[in-house]
Amino acid sequence: MTSFHQKHQILESLDSLDSTQTEKVLEFIKGLMYKTPDEASYKRFKQEAMKEIRSALGKRGQLRSAF
């Protein structure tokens, strides 16, 4: 699966959320990108966060996991 296709699927899923939910997701993602903790714990945290996002998107039944 191409990176473009993955990004497109994420954008489609964000479109189906209401504005409050979308803001929460975007703030969460921004928080992942701009924190500077030690490398090992940051990678673990990021992996767990992505698992949770995949799980939440998968429960909606609209998208298959693209990651």
N, C-alpha and C. Protein backbone atom coordinates (compact mmCIF):
# COMPACT_ATOMS: atom_id res chain seq x y z
N MET A 1 0.85 -1.17 0.00
CA MET A 1 0.00 0.00 0.00
C MET A 1 0.90 1.24 0.00
N THR A 2 0.58 2.19 -0.83
CA THR A 2 1.42 3.38 -0.94
C THR A 2 1.15 4.36 0.19
N SER A 3 2.12 5.20 0.42
CA SER A 3 1.99 6.23 1.44
C SER A 3 0.82 7.15 1.13
N PHE A 4 0.65 7.47 -0.14
CA PHE A 4 -0.47 8.33 -0.55
C PHE A 4 -1.80 7.69 -0.19
N HIS A 5 -1.93 6.40 -0.46
CA HIS A 5 -3.17 5.70 -0.17
C HIS A 5 -3.44 5.67 1.33
N GLN A 6 -2.40 5.48 2.13
CA GLN A 6 -2.54 5.48 3.58
C GLN A 6 -3.01 6.84 4.07
N LYS A 7 -2.41 7.90 3.55
CA LYS A 7 -2.79 9.25 3.96
C LYS A 7 -4.23 9.54 3.55
N HIS A 8 -4.61 9.08 2.39
CA HIS A 8 -5.97 9.29 1.91
C HIS A 8 -6.98 8.59 2.82
N GLN A 9 -6.68 7.38 3.26
CA GLN A 9 -7.56 6.66 4.16
C GLN A 9 -7.69 7.39 5.50
N ILE A 10 -6.60 7.92 5.99
CA ILE A 10 -6.64 8.66 7.26
C ILE A 10 -7.51 9.91 7.10
N LEU A 11 -7.32 10.62 6.01
CA LEU A 11 -8.12 11.82 5.78
C LEU A 11 -9.61 11.49 5.66
N GLU A 12 -9.93 10.39 5.00
CA GLU A 12 -11.34 9.99 4.89
C GLU A 12 -11.92 9.69 6.26
N SER A 13 -11.15 9.03 7.10
CA SER A 13 -11.67 8.71 8.43
C SER A 13 -11.85 9.98 9.27
N LEU A 14 -10.95 10.95 9.12
CA LEU A 14 -11.10 12.21 9.85
C LEU A 14 -12.32 12.99 9.37
N ASP A 15 -12.64 12.88 8.08
CA ASP A 15 -13.82 13.57 7.55
C ASP A 15 -15.11 13.07 8.19
N SER A 16 -15.13 11.82 8.63
CA SER A 16 -16.36 11.28 9.20
C SER A 16 -16.53 11.64 10.67
N LEU A 17 -15.51 12.23 11.29
CA LEU A 17 -15.60 12.65 12.69
C LEU A 17 -16.21 14.04 12.80
N ASP A 18 -16.82 14.31 13.95
CA ASP A 18 -17.29 15.68 14.15
C ASP A 18 -16.09 16.56 14.49
N SER A 19 -16.28 17.86 14.52
CA SER A 19 -15.16 18.78 14.66
C SER A 19 -14.43 18.62 16.00
N THR A 20 -15.14 18.31 17.06
CA THR A 20 -14.49 18.11 18.36
C THR A 20 -13.60 16.89 18.34
N GLN A 21 -14.10 15.80 17.78
CA GLN A 21 -13.30 14.58 17.70
C GLN A 21 -12.07 14.79 16.82
N THR A 22 -12.26 15.48 15.71
CA THR A 22 -11.14 15.75 14.80
C THR A 22 -10.06 16.57 15.49
N GLU A 23 -10.46 17.59 16.23
CA GLU A 23 -9.49 18.41 16.96
C GLU A 23 -8.71 17.59 17.97
N LYS A 24 -9.39 16.69 18.69
CA LYS A 24 -8.72 15.86 19.67
C LYS A 24 -7.69 14.95 19.01
N VAL A 25 -8.05 14.36 17.87
CA VAL A 25 -7.12 13.48 17.16
C VAL A 25 -5.92 14.27 16.67
N LEU A 26 -6.16 15.43 16.09
CA LEU A 26 -5.06 16.24 15.57
C LEU A 26 -4.14 16.74 16.70
N GLU A 27 -4.70 17.14 17.82
CA GLU A 27 -3.88 17.56 18.95
C GLU A 27 -3.04 16.40 19.48
N PHE A 28 -3.62 15.20 19.51
CA PHE A 28 -2.89 14.02 19.95
C PHE A 28 -1.71 13.76 19.02
N ILE A 29 -1.95 13.82 17.72
CA ILE A 29 -0.89 13.57 16.74
C ILE A 29 0.19 14.65 16.84
N LYS A 30 -0.21 15.90 16.97
CA LYS A 30 0.77 16.97 17.13
C LYS A 30 1.62 16.76 18.37
N GLY A 31 0.99 16.29 19.44
CA GLY A 31 1.73 16.01 20.66
C GLY A 31 2.77 14.93 20.46
N LEU A 32 2.45 13.95 19.64
CA LEU A 32 3.42 12.90 19.33
C LEU A 32 4.60 13.44 18.55
N MET A 33 4.34 14.37 17.68
CA MET A 33 5.38 14.87 16.79
C MET A 33 6.33 15.84 17.47
N TYR A 34 5.88 16.61 18.42
CA TYR A 34 6.68 17.71 18.92
C TYR A 34 7.26 17.49 20.32
N LYS A 35 7.04 16.33 20.90
CA LYS A 35 7.64 16.05 22.20
C LYS A 35 9.08 15.59 21.99
N THR A 36 9.93 15.83 22.99
CA THR A 36 11.32 15.42 22.88
C THR A 36 11.78 14.58 24.08
N PRO A 37 11.07 13.51 24.41
CA PRO A 37 11.55 12.65 25.50
C PRO A 37 12.69 11.76 25.02
N ASP A 38 13.23 10.94 25.93
CA ASP A 38 14.32 10.07 25.50
C ASP A 38 13.83 9.11 24.40
N GLU A 39 14.71 8.74 23.54
CA GLU A 39 14.38 8.02 22.30
C GLU A 39 13.64 6.70 22.51
N ALA A 40 14.08 5.86 23.42
CA ALA A 40 13.47 4.54 23.61
C ALA A 40 12.04 4.64 24.12
N SER A 41 11.81 5.45 25.14
CA SER A 41 10.45 5.54 25.67
C SER A 41 9.53 6.25 24.69
N TYR A 42 10.06 7.21 23.94
CA TYR A 42 9.26 7.90 22.94
C TYR A 42 8.80 6.93 21.85
N LYS A 43 9.70 6.07 21.39
CA LYS A 43 9.33 5.09 20.37
C LYS A 43 8.27 4.14 20.88
N ARG A 44 8.41 3.67 22.11
CA ARG A 44 7.40 2.79 22.70
C ARG A 44 6.05 3.49 22.79
N PHE A 45 6.07 4.74 23.27
CA PHE A 45 4.84 5.51 23.40
C PHE A 45 4.17 5.69 22.04
N LYS A 46 4.98 6.04 21.05
CA LYS A 46 4.45 6.26 19.71
C LYS A 46 3.86 4.97 19.13
N GLN A 47 4.53 3.84 19.33
CA GLN A 47 4.02 2.56 18.84
C GLN A 47 2.69 2.22 19.49
N GLU A 48 2.59 2.42 20.79
CA GLU A 48 1.33 2.15 21.48
C GLU A 48 0.23 3.07 21.01
N ALA A 49 0.56 4.34 20.79
CA ALA A 49 -0.43 5.30 20.31
C ALA A 49 -0.95 4.90 18.93
N MET A 50 -0.05 4.49 18.05
CA MET A 50 -0.47 4.09 16.71
C MET A 50 -1.32 2.83 16.76
N LYS A 51 -1.01 1.90 17.67
CA LYS A 51 -1.85 0.71 17.84
C LYS A 51 -3.26 1.10 18.26
N GLU A 52 -3.35 2.06 19.18
CA GLU A 52 -4.66 2.51 19.64
C GLU A 52 -5.44 3.18 18.53
N ILE A 53 -4.77 3.98 17.72
CA ILE A 53 -5.44 4.65 16.60
C ILE A 53 -5.92 3.61 15.59
N ARG A 54 -5.06 2.63 15.26
CA ARG A 54 -5.47 1.57 14.33
C ARG A 54 -6.66 0.80 14.87
N SER A 55 -6.62 0.51 16.15
CA SER A 55 -7.70 -0.24 16.78
C SER A 55 -9.00 0.55 16.72
N ALA A 56 -8.93 1.84 17.03
CA ALA A 56 -10.13 2.68 17.01
C ALA A 56 -10.70 2.79 15.60
N LEU A 57 -9.82 2.94 14.61
CA LEU A 57 -10.30 3.03 13.23
C LEU A 57 -10.85 1.70 12.77
N GLY A 58 -10.25 0.61 13.21
CA GLY A 58 -10.70 -0.72 12.81
C GLY A 58 -12.06 -1.07 13.39
N LYS A 59 -12.37 -0.59 14.58
CA LYS A 59 -13.64 -0.87 15.22
C LYS A 59 -14.80 -0.24 14.46
N ARG A 60 -14.52 0.80 13.72
CA ARG A 60 -15.59 1.47 12.96
C ARG A 60 -15.97 0.65 11.75
N GLY A 61 -15.13 -0.30 11.36
CA GLY A 61 -15.45 -1.19 10.25
C GLY A 61 -15.40 -0.56 8.87
N GLN A 62 -14.98 0.67 8.77
CA GLN A 62 -14.95 1.34 7.47
C GLN A 62 -13.60 1.17 6.78
N LEU A 63 -12.55 1.04 7.55
CA LEU A 63 -11.22 0.99 6.97
C LEU A 63 -10.49 -0.23 7.46
N ARG A 64 -9.65 -0.77 6.61
CA ARG A 64 -8.75 -1.81 7.08
C ARG A 64 -7.44 -1.15 7.46
N SER A 65 -6.68 -1.81 8.26
CA SER A 65 -5.43 -1.24 8.75
C SER A 65 -4.49 -0.96 7.60
N ALA A 66 -3.96 0.25 7.55
CA ALA A 66 -3.07 0.65 6.47
C ALA A 66 -1.64 0.77 6.97
N PHE A 67 -1.38 0.45 8.23
CA PHE A 67 -0.06 0.65 8.81
C PHE A 67 0.62 -0.65 8.95
